[in-house]
């Protein structure tokens, strides 16, 4: 589970290299930060993002960066699974589509 204090501090102090992005699982953007670190722009953006993470409520941070970690996130995933099963039972989606979508939902949790 990712911690907003760590993400904020990484953004402020190591934002030039995108360390906060790697920490949050945003590898593609992290690589972009590393490639552009010499311009200084990632450092500025990382600093702003670090402050943004620290100012964000714990609930908002968890909803955005720790999907499924909150009770609401798990409940939301369960509701999605029930809706998905209902679609299959009604014949709107095939069993293979159901399994594929169910797997994607389970990966989010």
Protein backbone atom coordinates (compact mmCIF):
# COMPACT_ATOMS: atom_id res chain seq x y z
CA UNK A 1 0.00 0.00 0.00
CA UNK A 2 1.38 3.37 -1.01
CA UNK A 3 1.83 6.14 1.53
CA UNK A 4 1.01 9.75 0.70
CA UNK A 5 3.76 11.17 2.95
CA UNK A 6 6.40 9.10 1.17
CA UNK A 7 4.98 10.02 -2.26
CA UNK A 8 4.95 13.70 -1.32
CA UNK A 9 8.51 13.72 -0.01
CA UNK A 10 9.78 11.78 -3.02
CA UNK A 11 8.07 14.28 -5.31
CA UNK A 12 9.57 17.26 -3.50
CA UNK A 13 13.12 15.95 -3.13
CA UNK A 14 13.55 13.49 -6.02
CA UNK A 15 10.89 14.71 -8.44
CA UNK A 16 13.50 15.57 -11.06
CA UNK A 17 14.10 11.86 -11.57
CA UNK A 18 10.44 10.80 -11.33
CA UNK A 19 11.05 8.65 -8.26
CA UNK A 20 7.59 9.55 -6.94
CA UNK A 21 6.01 8.33 -10.18
CA UNK A 22 7.82 4.99 -9.96
CA UNK A 23 6.69 4.71 -6.33
CA UNK A 24 3.07 5.31 -7.36
CA UNK A 25 3.26 2.69 -10.12
CA UNK A 26 3.32 5.18 -13.01
CA UNK A 27 6.41 3.72 -14.66
CA UNK A 28 5.88 5.28 -18.09
CA UNK A 29 5.69 8.80 -16.72
CA UNK A 30 8.63 8.02 -14.41
CA UNK A 31 10.76 7.11 -17.41
CA UNK A 32 9.72 10.34 -19.12
CA UNK A 33 10.82 12.32 -16.04
CA UNK A 34 14.20 10.55 -16.07
CA UNK A 35 14.68 11.29 -19.78
CA UNK A 36 13.85 14.97 -19.29
CA UNK A 37 15.44 15.60 -15.89
CA UNK A 38 18.18 17.74 -17.42
CA UNK A 39 15.60 20.37 -18.46
CA UNK A 40 14.61 21.12 -14.86
CA UNK A 41 10.92 20.89 -15.73
CA UNK A 42 10.37 17.49 -14.05
CA UNK A 43 11.92 18.89 -10.87
CA UNK A 44 9.50 21.80 -10.82
CA UNK A 45 6.50 19.58 -11.64
CA UNK A 46 7.63 16.98 -9.10
CA UNK A 47 7.85 19.63 -6.40
CA UNK A 48 4.31 20.81 -7.15
CA UNK A 49 3.03 17.22 -7.26
CA UNK A 50 4.72 16.48 -3.94
CA UNK A 51 2.89 19.37 -2.30
CA UNK A 52 -0.31 18.23 -4.00
CA UNK A 53 0.06 14.71 -2.55
CA UNK A 54 0.70 16.07 0.94
CA UNK A 55 -2.32 18.38 0.73
CA UNK A 56 -4.60 15.62 -0.57
CA UNK A 57 -6.88 13.90 1.93
CA UNK A 58 -5.98 10.35 2.89
CA UNK A 59 -9.24 9.11 1.38
CA UNK A 60 -8.61 10.82 -1.97
CA UNK A 61 -5.03 9.56 -2.08
CA UNK A 62 -6.14 5.98 -1.38
CA UNK A 63 -8.93 6.17 -3.94
CA UNK A 64 -6.48 7.37 -6.60
CA UNK A 65 -3.30 5.45 -5.78
CA UNK A 66 -4.43 2.48 -3.66
CA UNK A 67 -7.47 1.16 -5.49
CA UNK A 68 -9.29 -1.46 -3.48
CA UNK A 69 -7.47 -0.51 -0.27
CA UNK A 70 -10.46 1.29 1.19
CA UNK A 71 -13.70 -0.30 2.26
CA UNK A 72 -15.46 1.81 -0.35
CA UNK A 73 -13.08 0.54 -3.02
CA UNK A 74 -13.76 -3.09 -2.13
CA UNK A 75 -17.49 -2.44 -1.95
CA UNK A 76 -17.38 -0.73 -5.34
CA UNK A 77 -15.54 -3.70 -6.85
CA UNK A 78 -18.09 -6.11 -5.36
CA UNK A 79 -20.94 -4.07 -6.84
CA UNK A 80 -19.19 -4.14 -10.22
CA UNK A 81 -18.88 -7.94 -10.01
CA UNK A 82 -22.58 -8.31 -9.19
CA UNK A 83 -23.51 -6.08 -12.15
CA UNK A 84 -21.18 -8.04 -14.40
CA UNK A 85 -22.72 -11.37 -13.34
CA UNK A 86 -26.16 -9.93 -13.98
CA UNK A 87 -25.13 -8.95 -17.52
CA UNK A 88 -23.94 -12.49 -18.18
CA UNK A 89 -27.11 -14.01 -16.71
CA UNK A 90 -29.20 -11.79 -18.98
CA UNK A 91 -27.19 -12.88 -22.02
CA UNK A 92 -25.86 -9.39 -22.70
CA UNK A 93 -22.26 -10.59 -22.43
CA UNK A 94 -20.82 -14.05 -23.04
CA UNK A 95 -19.25 -16.18 -20.30
CA UNK A 96 -15.82 -15.58 -21.81
CA UNK A 97 -16.40 -11.80 -21.74
CA UNK A 98 -17.55 -12.16 -18.14
CA UNK A 99 -14.36 -14.00 -17.18
CA UNK A 100 -12.16 -11.46 -18.96
CA UNK A 101 -13.84 -8.49 -17.29
CA UNK A 102 -13.92 -10.25 -13.92
CA UNK A 103 -10.16 -10.81 -14.13
CA UNK A 104 -9.59 -7.11 -14.86
CA UNK A 105 -11.72 -6.15 -11.87
CA UNK A 106 -9.89 -8.58 -9.60
CA UNK A 107 -6.52 -7.13 -10.64
CA UNK A 108 -7.67 -3.70 -9.47
CA UNK A 109 -8.35 -5.05 -6.00
